[in-house]
Amino acid sequence: MNKFAATLGLLAAFTMTPASAETGFYLGGSLGNATFDGTAPGTSVSIDDDDTAYKLYGGFRLLSFLAIEGGYVNLGEMGGATGTMELDGWDIFGVANLPLGPVNVFAKLGGIAWESDFSSAISSADESDFDLAYGVGAAFRVGMFGLRAEYELFETGNDNTGMFSIGAEVNF
C-alpha cells in the first residue's frame, strides 16, 4: 500500500503545475467542424451546411482563473447548388478558467471581426462586421503541453456559426 501511495503522490506531483505556472503566454491550434444555418451575409441565399474548420490562437493568462485570448479562425466553405460562402475572421475573448489540477474548464466571451465571401453562377457578395462570440471547453495540461476541446458560437450577421474543435497548445 505504501508503494501505491508513493507512486500516486509522484504522479500527482508531475502532472499538477504549480500556481506560478498558471500564468503566462500560450499558443495553440485546433481543427474541427463548423456549421452554418441561415442566410449568406449580403444575400438572400439560404445555406444549411457544414465544413472543416481550423483556428490558430494565442493568449495570456493574467491569473489562474482569467485570460485574454485572440486568434484567426477559418470556418470553411459552405453552400450548395445556389452558391458557396467562405467565412473567416479574427477573434478576441476574455476567458474565465476553473483549474482542476491538470484539467482546466473554461468559458469565454468576446467578439469576432468576420468576413464572408459568397459566390454563385450569377452573383457574388462580400460582407464583413464585428459581432459577438462565445464558447465553452476543457483543456488537459501536462507540463507545458496541453490538449483542448471546445465549442464556440460566432454571430455572423443575423445568423450564427458554431464550431466544435480539438487541438493542442504550448504554455510558456
Protein backbone atom coordinates (compact mmCIF):
# COMPACT_ATOMS: atom_id res chain seq x y z
CA MET A 1 0.00 0.00 0.00
CA ASN A 2 2.89 2.41 0.74
CA LYS A 3 4.33 1.88 -2.77
CA PHE A 4 0.91 2.67 -4.24
CA ALA A 5 0.61 5.89 -2.21
CA ALA A 6 4.17 6.92 -3.15
CA THR A 7 3.50 6.24 -6.85
CA LEU A 8 0.24 8.18 -6.71
CA GLY A 9 2.00 11.09 -4.98
CA LEU A 10 4.76 11.19 -7.61
CA LEU A 11 2.21 11.05 -10.42
CA ALA A 12 0.29 13.97 -8.91
CA ALA A 13 3.49 15.96 -8.45
CA PHE A 14 4.47 15.55 -12.11
CA THR A 15 1.04 16.25 -13.61
CA MET A 16 0.00 19.20 -11.46
CA THR A 17 1.59 22.51 -12.34
CA PRO A 18 2.49 25.00 -9.61
CA ALA A 19 0.42 28.16 -9.22
CA SER A 20 3.20 30.28 -10.72
CA ALA A 21 2.98 28.22 -13.96
CA GLU A 22 -0.75 29.01 -14.22
CA THR A 23 0.05 32.45 -15.64
CA GLY A 24 1.86 33.41 -18.82
CA PHE A 25 1.60 33.08 -22.59
CA TYR A 26 0.18 30.18 -24.59
CA LEU A 27 -0.10 29.34 -28.31
CA GLY A 28 -2.24 26.72 -29.98
CA GLY A 29 -4.09 25.40 -32.97
CA SER A 30 -7.32 23.44 -33.38
CA LEU A 31 -9.11 21.51 -36.11
CA GLY A 32 -12.82 20.84 -36.16
CA ASN A 33 -16.18 21.29 -37.82
CA ALA A 34 -18.16 24.50 -38.41
CA THR A 35 -21.92 24.56 -39.04
CA PHE A 36 -23.86 27.43 -40.60
CA ASP A 37 -27.65 27.54 -40.92
CA GLY A 38 -29.04 30.82 -42.19
CA THR A 39 -28.77 33.39 -44.95
CA ALA A 40 -25.41 34.10 -46.52
CA PRO A 41 -24.46 37.62 -45.35
CA GLY A 42 -25.11 40.24 -48.01
CA THR A 43 -27.52 37.99 -49.92
CA SER A 44 -30.95 36.36 -49.65
CA VAL A 45 -29.50 32.87 -50.29
CA SER A 46 -30.30 30.29 -47.62
CA ILE A 47 -27.43 27.97 -46.60
CA ASP A 48 -27.55 24.98 -44.25
CA ASP A 49 -24.17 23.28 -44.40
CA ASP A 50 -21.00 22.41 -42.50
CA ASP A 51 -17.31 22.17 -43.35
CA THR A 52 -13.90 21.51 -41.84
CA ALA A 53 -12.69 24.48 -39.82
CA TYR A 54 -9.45 25.42 -38.09
CA LYS A 55 -8.05 28.11 -35.85
CA LEU A 56 -4.72 29.42 -34.59
CA TYR A 57 -4.75 31.27 -31.29
CA GLY A 58 -2.63 32.78 -28.59
CA GLY A 59 -3.32 34.16 -25.18
CA PHE A 60 -2.04 35.38 -21.87
CA ARG A 61 -3.20 34.02 -18.50
CA LEU A 62 -3.30 37.02 -16.19
CA LEU A 63 -4.30 34.83 -13.22
CA SER A 64 -5.00 31.11 -12.91
CA PHE A 65 -8.70 31.88 -13.48
CA LEU A 66 -8.54 34.73 -16.06
CA ALA A 67 -7.01 35.02 -19.53
CA ILE A 68 -7.13 37.13 -22.69
CA GLU A 69 -7.12 35.18 -25.95
CA GLY A 70 -7.21 36.03 -29.64
CA GLY A 71 -6.61 34.41 -32.97
CA TYR A 72 -7.55 33.63 -36.54
CA VAL A 73 -10.44 31.26 -37.34
CA ASN A 74 -11.30 29.81 -40.75
CA LEU A 75 -14.86 28.49 -40.66
CA GLY A 76 -14.65 26.83 -44.06
CA GLU A 77 -16.62 26.94 -47.28
CA MET A 78 -20.32 26.17 -47.12
CA GLY A 79 -23.11 26.10 -49.65
CA GLY A 80 -24.72 24.06 -52.33
CA ALA A 81 -26.39 24.40 -55.73
CA THR A 82 -27.30 28.05 -55.10
CA GLY A 83 -23.73 29.16 -54.33
CA THR A 84 -20.91 28.91 -51.81
CA MET A 85 -19.81 31.06 -48.92
CA GLU A 86 -16.34 31.27 -47.36
CA LEU A 87 -16.25 32.55 -43.79
CA ASP A 88 -13.28 33.54 -41.63
CA GLY A 89 -12.26 36.12 -39.06
CA TRP A 90 -10.13 37.38 -36.19
CA ASP A 91 -11.47 36.92 -32.67
CA ILE A 92 -10.70 38.20 -29.19
CA PHE A 93 -12.00 36.79 -25.90
CA GLY A 94 -11.94 37.20 -22.16
CA VAL A 95 -11.57 33.66 -20.77
CA ALA A 96 -12.72 32.53 -17.31
CA ASN A 97 -10.87 29.38 -16.17
CA LEU A 98 -11.66 26.84 -13.50
CA PRO A 99 -8.37 24.97 -12.91
CA LEU A 100 -8.91 21.44 -11.53
CA GLY A 101 -5.37 20.06 -11.39
CA PRO A 102 -4.23 19.15 -14.90
CA VAL A 103 -7.78 19.76 -16.24
CA ASN A 104 -8.96 23.28 -16.93
CA VAL A 105 -12.64 24.02 -17.67
CA PHE A 106 -13.28 27.39 -19.31
CA ALA A 107 -15.90 29.74 -20.70
CA LYS A 108 -15.14 32.65 -22.99
CA LEU A 109 -16.89 35.79 -24.16
CA GLY A 110 -15.73 38.24 -26.80
CA GLY A 111 -16.14 39.16 -30.43
CA ILE A 112 -15.17 38.28 -33.97
CA ALA A 113 -14.26 40.56 -36.87
CA TRP A 114 -15.59 38.27 -39.62
CA GLU A 115 -15.66 38.36 -43.39
CA SER A 116 -17.82 36.31 -45.75
CA ASP A 117 -17.34 35.88 -49.48
CA PHE A 118 -20.38 34.49 -51.33
CA SER A 119 -20.30 33.48 -54.97
CA SER A 120 -22.74 31.81 -57.36
CA ALA A 121 -23.05 31.45 -61.11
CA ILE A 122 -24.96 34.75 -61.34
CA SER A 123 -23.77 36.93 -58.45
CA SER A 124 -21.30 37.50 -55.65
CA ALA A 125 -21.34 39.38 -52.36
CA ASP A 126 -18.74 40.24 -49.75
CA GLU A 127 -19.64 41.37 -46.26
CA SER A 128 -17.77 41.96 -43.01
CA ASP A 129 -18.65 43.08 -39.50
CA PHE A 130 -17.72 42.72 -35.82
CA ASP A 131 -20.14 40.60 -33.76
CA LEU A 132 -20.47 38.65 -30.52
CA ALA A 133 -18.63 35.35 -29.99
CA TYR A 134 -18.64 32.96 -27.03
CA GLY A 135 -17.74 29.40 -26.12
CA VAL A 136 -17.02 26.70 -23.55
CA GLY A 137 -14.40 23.99 -23.35
CA ALA A 138 -11.90 21.96 -21.41
CA ALA A 139 -8.12 21.54 -21.60
CA PHE A 140 -5.83 18.87 -20.20
CA ARG A 141 -2.30 20.07 -19.47
CA VAL A 142 0.84 18.16 -18.52
CA GLY A 143 3.84 20.42 -18.06
CA MET A 144 3.95 22.94 -20.87
CA PHE A 145 1.77 20.95 -23.31
CA GLY A 146 -2.00 20.69 -23.46
CA LEU A 147 -4.90 19.17 -25.36
CA ARG A 148 -8.06 21.21 -25.75
CA ALA A 149 -11.67 20.60 -26.85
CA GLU A 150 -14.19 23.41 -27.19
CA TYR A 151 -17.42 24.64 -28.75
CA GLU A 152 -17.65 28.24 -29.96
CA LEU A 153 -20.57 30.19 -31.36
CA PHE A 154 -19.92 33.15 -33.65
CA GLU A 155 -22.69 35.58 -34.51
CA THR A 156 -22.25 36.35 -38.20
CA GLY A 157 -24.74 38.98 -39.27
CA ASN A 158 -28.23 37.82 -38.35
CA ASP A 159 -27.18 34.16 -38.08
CA ASN A 160 -24.84 32.02 -36.01
CA THR A 161 -21.95 29.78 -36.96
CA GLY A 162 -21.00 27.05 -34.49
CA MET A 163 -17.59 25.39 -34.33
CA PHE A 164 -16.53 22.29 -32.40
CA SER A 165 -12.77 21.76 -32.36
CA ILE A 166 -9.98 19.72 -30.80
CA GLY A 167 -6.43 20.99 -30.66
CA ALA A 168 -3.09 21.30 -28.94
CA GLU A 169 -1.37 24.17 -27.14
CA VAL A 170 2.00 25.06 -25.73
CA ASN A 171 2.21 27.04 -22.47
CA PHE A 172 5.17 29.30 -21.73
